[in-house]
Amino acid sequence: MPLAWYLARAAQRWPQNVALGVDEQVLTYQELVGRANALAQVLRGEPGRIAIRLGKSVEQIVATLACLLAGRSYVPLDIEQPQWVFRRA
């Protein structure tokens, strides 16, 4: 079974349990899956691969999970690189 399936099941069984914590930010399973599903709805309407340029954070995990839920491929970009490196010519 895919990771998204296990997380959705955990959100049903233990919605208020902590699923993710990064620094001071904590999300329950219900919050994690809810945020990822909302973003996945938006991503389904976008063409091409999804670029994720976020540091290690709750938002990075939510974005990655949203890509998986949307059935989209994603490209993780290094936040240490200057932004001009990522611009298309």
PDB file of N, CA and C in Angstrom:
ATOM      1  N   MET A   1       0.834  -1.188   0.000  1.00  0.00           N
ATOM      2  CA  MET A   1       0.000   0.000   0.000  1.00  0.00           C
ATOM      3  C   MET A   1       0.880   1.254   0.000  1.00  0.00           C
ATOM      4  N   PRO A   2       0.423   2.312  -0.654  1.00  0.00           N
ATOM      5  CA  PRO A   2       1.192   3.558  -0.685  1.00  0.00           C
ATOM      6  C   PRO A   2       1.181   4.281   0.658  1.00  0.00           C
ATOM      7  N   LEU A   3       2.193   5.102   0.858  1.00  0.00           N
ATOM      8  CA  LEU A   3       2.331   5.873   2.088  1.00  0.00           C
ATOM      9  C   LEU A   3       1.084   6.700   2.375  1.00  0.00           C
ATOM     10  N   ALA A   4       0.536   7.340   1.350  1.00  0.00           N
ATOM     11  CA  ALA A   4      -0.655   8.184   1.537  1.00  0.00           C
ATOM     12  C   ALA A   4      -1.813   7.380   2.113  1.00  0.00           C
ATOM     13  N   TRP A   5      -1.946   6.134   1.718  1.00  0.00           N
ATOM     14  CA  TRP A   5      -3.015   5.278   2.238  1.00  0.00           C
ATOM     15  C   TRP A   5      -2.840   5.055   3.743  1.00  0.00           C
ATOM     16  N   TYR A   6      -1.608   4.776   4.167  1.00  0.00           N
ATOM     17  CA  TYR A   6      -1.340   4.562   5.590  1.00  0.00           C
ATOM     18  C   TYR A   6      -1.601   5.823   6.406  1.00  0.00           C
ATOM     19  N   LEU A   7      -1.237   6.972   5.877  1.00  0.00           N
ATOM     20  CA  LEU A   7      -1.476   8.215   6.601  1.00  0.00           C
ATOM     21  C   LEU A   7      -2.968   8.527   6.696  1.00  0.00           C
ATOM     22  N   ALA A   8      -3.711   8.277   5.621  1.00  0.00           N
ATOM     23  CA  ALA A   8      -5.165   8.489   5.665  1.00  0.00           C
ATOM     24  C   ALA A   8      -5.813   7.556   6.689  1.00  0.00           C
ATOM     25  N   ARG A   9      -5.342   6.345   6.751  1.00  0.00           N
ATOM     26  CA  ARG A   9      -5.873   5.384   7.735  1.00  0.00           C
ATOM     27  C   ARG A   9      -5.536   5.829   9.159  1.00  0.00           C
ATOM     28  N   ALA A  10      -4.316   6.306   9.370  1.00  0.00           N
ATOM     29  CA  ALA A  10      -3.925   6.801  10.691  1.00  0.00           C
ATOM     30  C   ALA A  10      -4.765   8.006  11.088  1.00  0.00           C
ATOM     31  N   ALA A  11      -5.085   8.870  10.117  1.00  0.00           N
ATOM     32  CA  ALA A  11      -5.918  10.041  10.400  1.00  0.00           C
ATOM     33  C   ALA A  11      -7.322   9.626  10.815  1.00  0.00           C
ATOM     34  N   GLN A  12      -7.816   8.520  10.288  1.00  0.00           N
ATOM     35  CA  GLN A  12      -9.138   8.009  10.683  1.00  0.00           C
ATOM     36  C   GLN A  12      -9.095   7.374  12.072  1.00  0.00           C
ATOM     37  N   ARG A  13      -8.031   6.648  12.348  1.00  0.00           N
ATOM     38  CA  ARG A  13      -7.944   5.915  13.614  1.00  0.00           C
ATOM     39  C   ARG A  13      -7.503   6.791  14.780  1.00  0.00           C
ATOM     40  N   TRP A  14      -6.552   7.685  14.538  1.00  0.00           N
ATOM     41  CA  TRP A  14      -5.981   8.509  15.613  1.00  0.00           C
ATOM     42  C   TRP A  14      -5.901   9.972  15.172  1.00  0.00           C
ATOM     43  N   PRO A  15      -7.023  10.605  14.893  1.00  0.00           N
ATOM     44  CA  PRO A  15      -6.989  11.951  14.309  1.00  0.00           C
ATOM     45  C   PRO A  15      -6.268  12.991  15.166  1.00  0.00           C
ATOM     46  N   GLN A  16      -6.304  12.864  16.477  1.00  0.00           N
ATOM     47  CA  GLN A  16      -5.699  13.871  17.347  1.00  0.00           C
ATOM     48  C   GLN A  16      -4.283  13.516  17.801  1.00  0.00           C
ATOM     49  N   ASN A  17      -3.769  12.378  17.392  1.00  0.00           N
ATOM     50  CA  ASN A  17      -2.389  12.014  17.738  1.00  0.00           C
ATOM     51  C   ASN A  17      -1.402  12.825  16.909  1.00  0.00           C
ATOM     52  N   VAL A  18      -0.244  13.083  17.471  1.00  0.00           N
ATOM     53  CA  VAL A  18       0.791  13.836  16.763  1.00  0.00           C
ATOM     54  C   VAL A  18       1.360  12.976  15.634  1.00  0.00           C
ATOM     55  N   ALA A  19       1.332  13.540  14.430  1.00  0.00           N
ATOM     56  CA  ALA A  19       1.866  12.850  13.262  1.00  0.00           C
ATOM     57  C   ALA A  19       3.243  13.375  12.898  1.00  0.00           C
ATOM     58  N   LEU A  20       3.472  14.657  13.185  1.00  0.00           N
ATOM     59  CA  LEU A  20       4.670  15.306  12.692  1.00  0.00           C
ATOM     60  C   LEU A  20       5.019  16.476  13.588  1.00  0.00           C
ATOM     61  N   GLY A  21       6.291  16.598  13.889  1.00  0.00           N
ATOM     62  CA  GLY A  21       6.763  17.738  14.651  1.00  0.00           C
ATOM     63  C   GLY A  21       8.113  18.191  14.126  1.00  0.00           C
ATOM     64  N   VAL A  22       8.206  19.458  13.781  1.00  0.00           N
ATOM     65  CA  VAL A  22       9.460  20.047  13.321  1.00  0.00           C
ATOM     66  C   VAL A  22       9.636  21.341  14.104  1.00  0.00           C
ATOM     67  N   ASP A  23      10.732  21.410  14.846  1.00  0.00           N
ATOM     68  CA  ASP A  23      10.980  22.549  15.730  1.00  0.00           C
ATOM     69  C   ASP A  23       9.780  22.733  16.658  1.00  0.00           C
ATOM     70  N   GLU A  24       9.155  23.881  16.612  1.00  0.00           N
ATOM     71  CA  GLU A  24       8.021  24.165  17.502  1.00  0.00           C
ATOM     72  C   GLU A  24       6.679  23.826  16.868  1.00  0.00           C
ATOM     73  N   GLN A  25       6.675  23.477  15.586  1.00  0.00           N
ATOM     74  CA  GLN A  25       5.425  23.239  14.867  1.00  0.00           C
ATOM     75  C   GLN A  25       5.051  21.758  14.928  1.00  0.00           C
ATOM     76  N   VAL A  26       3.824  21.489  15.326  1.00  0.00           N
ATOM     77  CA  VAL A  26       3.328  20.118  15.467  1.00  0.00           C
ATOM     78  C   VAL A  26       2.003  19.997  14.725  1.00  0.00           C
ATOM     79  N   LEU A  27       1.828  18.893  13.998  1.00  0.00           N
ATOM     80  CA  LEU A  27       0.567  18.608  13.323  1.00  0.00           C
ATOM     81  C   LEU A  27       0.050  17.253  13.756  1.00  0.00           C
ATOM     82  N   THR A  28      -1.257  17.169  13.967  1.00  0.00           N
ATOM     83  CA  THR A  28      -1.892  15.878  14.218  1.00  0.00           C
ATOM     84  C   THR A  28      -2.062  15.176  12.864  1.00  0.00           C
ATOM     85  N   TYR A  29      -2.436  13.904  12.913  1.00  0.00           N
ATOM     86  CA  TYR A  29      -2.689  13.187  11.667  1.00  0.00           C
ATOM     87  C   TYR A  29      -3.800  13.865  10.884  1.00  0.00           C
ATOM     88  N   GLN A  30      -4.843  14.288  11.569  1.00  0.00           N
ATOM     89  CA  GLN A  30      -5.967  14.943  10.909  1.00  0.00           C
ATOM     90  C   GLN A  30      -5.518  16.240  10.219  1.00  0.00           C
ATOM     91  N   GLU A  31      -4.709  17.027  10.891  1.00  0.00           N
ATOM     92  CA  GLU A  31      -4.210  18.274  10.307  1.00  0.00           C
ATOM     93  C   GLU A  31      -3.282  18.009   9.125  1.00  0.00           C
ATOM     94  N   LEU A  32      -2.388  17.055   9.280  1.00  0.00           N
ATOM     95  CA  LEU A  32      -1.436  16.729   8.216  1.00  0.00           C
ATOM     96  C   LEU A  32      -2.158  16.284   6.954  1.00  0.00           C
ATOM     97  N   VAL A  33      -3.051  15.333   7.095  1.00  0.00           N
ATOM     98  CA  VAL A  33      -3.769  14.809   5.932  1.00  0.00           C
ATOM     99  C   VAL A  33      -4.704  15.871   5.354  1.00  0.00           C
ATOM    100  N   GLY A  34      -5.328  16.664   6.212  1.00  0.00           N
ATOM    101  CA  GLY A  34      -6.211  17.729   5.728  1.00  0.00           C
ATOM    102  C   GLY A  34      -5.468  18.765   4.904  1.00  0.00           C
ATOM    103  N   ARG A  35      -4.320  19.230   5.403  1.00  0.00           N
ATOM    104  CA  ARG A  35      -3.529  20.215   4.666  1.00  0.00           C
ATOM    105  C   ARG A  35      -2.989  19.629   3.366  1.00  0.00           C
ATOM    106  N   ALA A  36      -2.522  18.383   3.419  1.00  0.00           N
ATOM    107  CA  ALA A  36      -1.981  17.746   2.216  1.00  0.00           C
ATOM    108  C   ALA A  36      -3.077  17.532   1.169  1.00  0.00           C
ATOM    109  N   ASN A  37      -4.263  17.128   1.592  1.00  0.00           N
ATOM    110  CA  ASN A  37      -5.376  16.941   0.652  1.00  0.00           C
ATOM    111  C   ASN A  37      -5.782  18.255  -0.005  1.00  0.00           C
ATOM    112  N   ALA A  38      -5.814  19.334   0.771  1.00  0.00           N
ATOM    113  CA  ALA A  38      -6.180  20.641   0.217  1.00  0.00           C
ATOM    114  C   ALA A  38      -5.174  21.071  -0.852  1.00  0.00           C
ATOM    115  N   LEU A  39      -3.885  20.906  -0.570  1.00  0.00           N
ATOM    116  CA  LEU A  39      -2.862  21.263  -1.548  1.00  0.00           C
ATOM    117  C   LEU A  39      -2.905  20.314  -2.742  1.00  0.00           C
ATOM    118  N   ALA A  40      -3.179  19.044  -2.514  1.00  0.00           N
ATOM    119  CA  ALA A  40      -3.252  18.068  -3.607  1.00  0.00           C
ATOM    120  C   ALA A  40      -4.345  18.454  -4.601  1.00  0.00           C
ATOM    121  N   GLN A  41      -5.455  18.996  -4.123  1.00  0.00           N
ATOM    122  CA  GLN A  41      -6.535  19.432  -5.019  1.00  0.00           C
ATOM    123  C   GLN A  41      -6.037  20.507  -5.981  1.00  0.00           C
ATOM    124  N   VAL A  42      -5.238  21.426  -5.473  1.00  0.00           N
ATOM    125  CA  VAL A  42      -4.674  22.496  -6.304  1.00  0.00           C
ATOM    126  C   VAL A  42      -3.671  21.909  -7.294  1.00  0.00           C
ATOM    127  N   LEU A  43      -2.825  21.008  -6.827  1.00  0.00           N
ATOM    128  CA  LEU A  43      -1.770  20.442  -7.676  1.00  0.00           C
ATOM    129  C   LEU A  43      -2.323  19.608  -8.819  1.00  0.00           C
ATOM    130  N   ARG A  44      -3.486  19.014  -8.632  1.00  0.00           N
ATOM    131  CA  ARG A  44      -4.072  18.190  -9.695  1.00  0.00           C
ATOM    132  C   ARG A  44      -4.371  19.012 -10.943  1.00  0.00           C
ATOM    133  N   GLY A  45      -4.591  20.300 -10.783  1.00  0.00           N
ATOM    134  CA  GLY A  45      -4.903  21.153 -11.924  1.00  0.00           C
ATOM    135  C   GLY A  45      -3.690  21.776 -12.582  1.00  0.00           C
ATOM    136  N   GLU A  46      -2.509  21.534 -12.069  1.00  0.00           N
ATOM    137  CA  GLU A  46      -1.284  22.135 -12.602  1.00  0.00           C
ATOM    138  C   GLU A  46      -0.568  21.146 -13.524  1.00  0.00           C
ATOM    139  N   PRO A  47      -0.028  21.634 -14.646  1.00  0.00           N
ATOM    140  CA  PRO A  47       0.707  20.742 -15.550  1.00  0.00           C
ATOM    141  C   PRO A  47       2.156  20.551 -15.106  1.00  0.00           C
ATOM    142  N   GLY A  48       2.762  19.458 -15.538  1.00  0.00           N
ATOM    143  CA  GLY A  48       4.193  19.228 -15.312  1.00  0.00           C
ATOM    144  C   GLY A  48       4.542  18.763 -13.916  1.00  0.00           C
ATOM    145  N   ARG A  49       5.853  18.732 -13.672  1.00  0.00           N
ATOM    146  CA  ARG A  49       6.356  18.334 -12.353  1.00  0.00           C
ATOM    147  C   ARG A  49       6.210  19.497 -11.382  1.00  0.00           C
ATOM    148  N   ILE A  50       6.219  19.174 -10.114  1.00  0.00           N
ATOM    149  CA  ILE A  50       6.097  20.170  -9.063  1.00  0.00           C
ATOM    150  C   ILE A  50       7.469  20.363  -8.427  1.00  0.00           C
ATOM    151  N   ALA A  51       7.932  21.600  -8.376  1.00  0.00           N
ATOM    152  CA  ALA A  51       9.202  21.915  -7.721  1.00  0.00           C
ATOM    153  C   ALA A  51       8.919  22.276  -6.265  1.00  0.00           C
ATOM    154  N   ILE A  52       9.667  21.668  -5.353  1.00  0.00           N
ATOM    155  CA  ILE A  52       9.535  21.970  -3.923  1.00  0.00           C
ATOM    156  C   ILE A  52      10.855  22.557  -3.451  1.00  0.00           C
ATOM    157  N   ARG A  53      10.816  23.834  -3.113  1.00  0.00           N
ATOM    158  CA  ARG A  53      12.026  24.523  -2.624  1.00  0.00           C
ATOM    159  C   ARG A  53      11.729  25.053  -1.226  1.00  0.00           C
ATOM    160  N   LEU A  54      11.776  24.159  -0.279  1.00  0.00           N
ATOM    161  CA  LEU A  54      11.502  24.481   1.116  1.00  0.00           C
ATOM    162  C   LEU A  54      12.574  23.832   1.982  1.00  0.00           C
ATOM    163  N   GLY A  55      12.900  24.471   3.080  1.00  0.00           N
ATOM    164  CA  GLY A  55      13.816  23.879   4.036  1.00  0.00           C
ATOM    165  C   GLY A  55      13.120  22.774   4.807  1.00  0.00           C
ATOM    166  N   LYS A  56      13.849  22.128   5.665  1.00  0.00           N
ATOM    167  CA  LYS A  56      13.264  21.064   6.486  1.00  0.00           C
ATOM    168  C   LYS A  56      12.207  21.688   7.392  1.00  0.00           C
ATOM    169  N   SER A  57      10.953  21.375   7.080  1.00  0.00           N
ATOM    170  CA  SER A  57       9.844  22.011   7.776  1.00  0.00           C
ATOM    171  C   SER A  57       8.585  21.174   7.621  1.00  0.00           C
ATOM    172  N   VAL A  58       7.573  21.549   8.372  1.00  0.00           N
ATOM    173  CA  VAL A  58       6.261  20.920   8.240  1.00  0.00           C
ATOM    174  C   VAL A  58       5.732  21.153   6.832  1.00  0.00           C
ATOM    175  N   GLU A  59       5.945  22.355   6.304  1.00  0.00           N
ATOM    176  CA  GLU A  59       5.458  22.676   4.969  1.00  0.00           C
ATOM    177  C   GLU A  59       6.089  21.776   3.902  1.00  0.00           C
ATOM    178  N   GLN A  60       7.359  21.438   4.078  1.00  0.00           N
ATOM    179  CA  GLN A  60       8.024  20.547   3.122  1.00  0.00           C
ATOM    180  C   GLN A  60       7.355  19.169   3.114  1.00  0.00           C
ATOM    181  N   ILE A  61       7.059  18.647   4.286  1.00  0.00           N
ATOM    182  CA  ILE A  61       6.414  17.332   4.378  1.00  0.00           C
ATOM    183  C   ILE A  61       5.008  17.392   3.794  1.00  0.00           C
ATOM    184  N   VAL A  62       4.267  18.455   4.103  1.00  0.00           N
ATOM    185  CA  VAL A  62       2.914  18.612   3.564  1.00  0.00           C
ATOM    186  C   VAL A  62       2.969  18.680   2.037  1.00  0.00           C
ATOM    187  N   ALA A  63       3.895  19.457   1.484  1.00  0.00           N
ATOM    188  CA  ALA A  63       4.007  19.590   0.026  1.00  0.00           C
ATOM    189  C   ALA A  63       4.362  18.256  -0.631  1.00  0.00           C
ATOM    190  N   THR A  64       5.279  17.529  -0.041  1.00  0.00           N
ATOM    191  CA  THR A  64       5.675  16.228  -0.590  1.00  0.00           C
ATOM    192  C   THR A  64       4.512  15.246  -0.551  1.00  0.00           C
ATOM    193  N   LEU A  65       3.823  15.190   0.584  1.00  0.00           N
ATOM    194  CA  LEU A  65       2.666  14.306   0.703  1.00  0.00           C
ATOM    195  C   LEU A  65       1.568  14.716  -0.279  1.00  0.00           C
ATOM    196  N   ALA A  66       1.368  16.008  -0.471  1.00  0.00           N
ATOM    197  CA  ALA A  66       0.357  16.486  -1.420  1.00  0.00           C
ATOM    198  C   ALA A  66       0.672  16.010  -2.835  1.00  0.00           C
ATOM    199  N   CYS A  67       1.941  16.037  -3.209  1.00  0.00           N
ATOM    200  CA  CYS A  67       2.336  15.534  -4.529  1.00  0.00           C
ATOM    201  C   CYS A  67       1.991  14.055  -4.663  1.00  0.00           C
ATOM    202  N   LEU A  68       2.272  13.290  -3.634  1.00  0.00           N
ATOM    203  CA  LEU A  68       1.954  11.862  -3.661  1.00  0.00           C
ATOM    204  C   LEU A  68       0.449  11.640  -3.773  1.00  0.00           C
ATOM    205  N   LEU A  69      -0.321  12.399  -3.003  1.00  0.00           N
ATOM    206  CA  LEU A  69      -1.781  12.263  -3.035  1.00  0.00           C
ATOM    207  C   LEU A  69      -2.349  12.658  -4.394  1.00  0.00           C
ATOM    208  N   ALA A  70      -1.728  13.641  -5.037  1.00  0.00           N
ATOM    209  CA  ALA A  70      -2.201  14.114  -6.337  1.00  0.00           C
ATOM    210  C   ALA A  70      -1.709  13.240  -7.485  1.00  0.00           C
ATOM    211  N   GLY A  71      -0.834  12.284  -7.172  1.00  0.00           N
ATOM    212  CA  GLY A  71      -0.281  11.433  -8.220  1.00  0.00           C
ATOM    213  C   GLY A  71       0.699  12.176  -9.106  1.00  0.00           C
ATOM    214  N   ARG A  72       1.366  13.160  -8.543  1.00  0.00           N
ATOM    215  CA  ARG A  72       2.276  14.014  -9.292  1.00  0.00           C
ATOM    216  C   ARG A  72       3.718  13.707  -8.922  1.00  0.00           C
ATOM    217  N   SER A  73       4.608  13.955  -9.861  1.00  0.00           N
ATOM    218  CA  SER A  73       6.025  13.835  -9.550  1.00  0.00           C
ATOM    219  C   SER A  73       6.516  15.190  -9.056  1.00  0.00           C
ATOM    220  N   TYR A  74       7.540  15.157  -8.223  1.00  0.00           N
ATOM    221  CA  TYR A  74       8.068  16.398  -7.689  1.00  0.00           C
ATOM    222  C   TYR A  74       9.585  16.395  -7.754  1.00  0.00           C
ATOM    223  N   VAL A  75      10.135  17.593  -7.761  1.00  0.00           N
ATOM    224  CA  VAL A  75      11.574  17.775  -7.801  1.00  0.00           C
ATOM    225  C   VAL A  75      11.964  18.590  -6.579  1.00  0.00           C
ATOM    226  N   PRO A  76      12.691  17.987  -5.628  1.00  0.00           N
ATOM    227  CA  PRO A  76      13.139  18.770  -4.474  1.00  0.00           C
ATOM    228  C   PRO A  76      14.325  19.651  -4.876  1.00  0.00           C
ATOM    229  N   LEU A  77      14.219  20.938  -4.581  1.00  0.00           N
ATOM    230  CA  LEU A  77      15.278  21.887  -4.927  1.00  0.00           C
ATOM    231  C   LEU A  77      16.014  22.312  -3.659  1.00  0.00           C
ATOM    232  N   ASP A  78      17.305  22.515  -3.793  1.00  0.00           N
ATOM    233  CA  ASP A  78      18.162  22.887  -2.670  1.00  0.00           C
ATOM    234  C   ASP A  78      17.974  24.365  -2.336  1.00  0.00           C
ATOM    235  N   ILE A  79      17.556  24.667  -1.119  1.00  0.00           N
ATOM    236  CA  ILE A  79      17.335  26.056  -0.723  1.00  0.00           C
ATOM    237  C   ILE A  79      18.635  26.823  -0.566  1.00  0.00           C
ATOM    238  N   GLU A  80      19.752  26.133  -0.532  1.00  0.00           N
ATOM    239  CA  GLU A  80      21.058  26.783  -0.418  1.00  0.00           C
ATOM    240  C   GLU A  80      21.485  27.426  -1.745  1.00  0.00           C
ATOM    241  N   GLN A  81      20.913  26.965  -2.853  1.00  0.00           N
ATOM    242  CA  GLN A  81      21.266  27.496  -4.164  1.00  0.00           C
ATOM    243  C   GLN A  81      20.609  28.862  -4.370  1.00  0.00           C
ATOM    244  N   PRO A  82      21.290  29.775  -5.049  1.00  0.00           N
ATOM    245  CA  PRO A  82      20.661  31.066  -5.340  1.00  0.00           C
ATOM    246  C   PRO A  82      19.464  30.881  -6.272  1.00  0.00           C
ATOM    247  N   GLN A  83      18.495  31.756  -6.143  1.00  0.00           N
ATOM    248  CA  GLN A  83      17.257  31.613  -6.902  1.00  0.00           C
ATOM    249  C   GLN A  83      17.473  31.677  -8.411  1.00  0.00           C
ATOM    250  N   TRP A  84      18.460  32.430  -8.882  1.00  0.00           N
ATOM    251  CA  TRP A  84      18.679  32.554 -10.319  1.00  0.00           C
ATOM    252  C   TRP A  84      19.005  31.210 -10.964  1.00  0.00           C
ATOM    253  N   VAL A  85      19.515  30.258 -10.179  1.00  0.00           N
ATOM    254  CA  VAL A  85      19.850  28.940 -10.711  1.00  0.00           C
ATOM    255  C   VAL A  85      18.590  28.216 -11.209  1.00  0.00           C
ATOM    256  N   PHE A  86      17.462  28.514 -10.588  1.00  0.00           N
ATOM    257  CA  PHE A  86      16.222  27.784 -10.892  1.00  0.00           C
ATOM    258  C   PHE A  86      15.369  28.438 -11.966  1.00  0.00           C
ATOM    259  N   ARG A  87      15.715  29.632 -12.382  1.00  0.00           N
ATOM    260  CA  ARG A  87      14.935  30.319 -13.411  1.00  0.00           C
ATOM    261  C   ARG A  87      15.176  29.682 -14.774  1.00  0.00           C
ATOM    262  N   ARG A  88      14.126  29.626 -15.544  1.00  0.00           N
ATOM    263  CA  ARG A  88      14.252  29.099 -16.914  1.00  0.00           C
ATOM    264  C   ARG A  88      14.856  30.162 -17.806  1.00  0.00           C
ATOM    265  N   ALA A  89      15.636  29.721 -18.763  1.00  0.00           N
ATOM    266  CA  ALA A  89      16.271  30.675 -19.704  1.00  0.00           C
ATOM    267  C   ALA A  89      15.268  31.167 -20.704  1.00  0.00           C
TER     268      ALA A  89
END
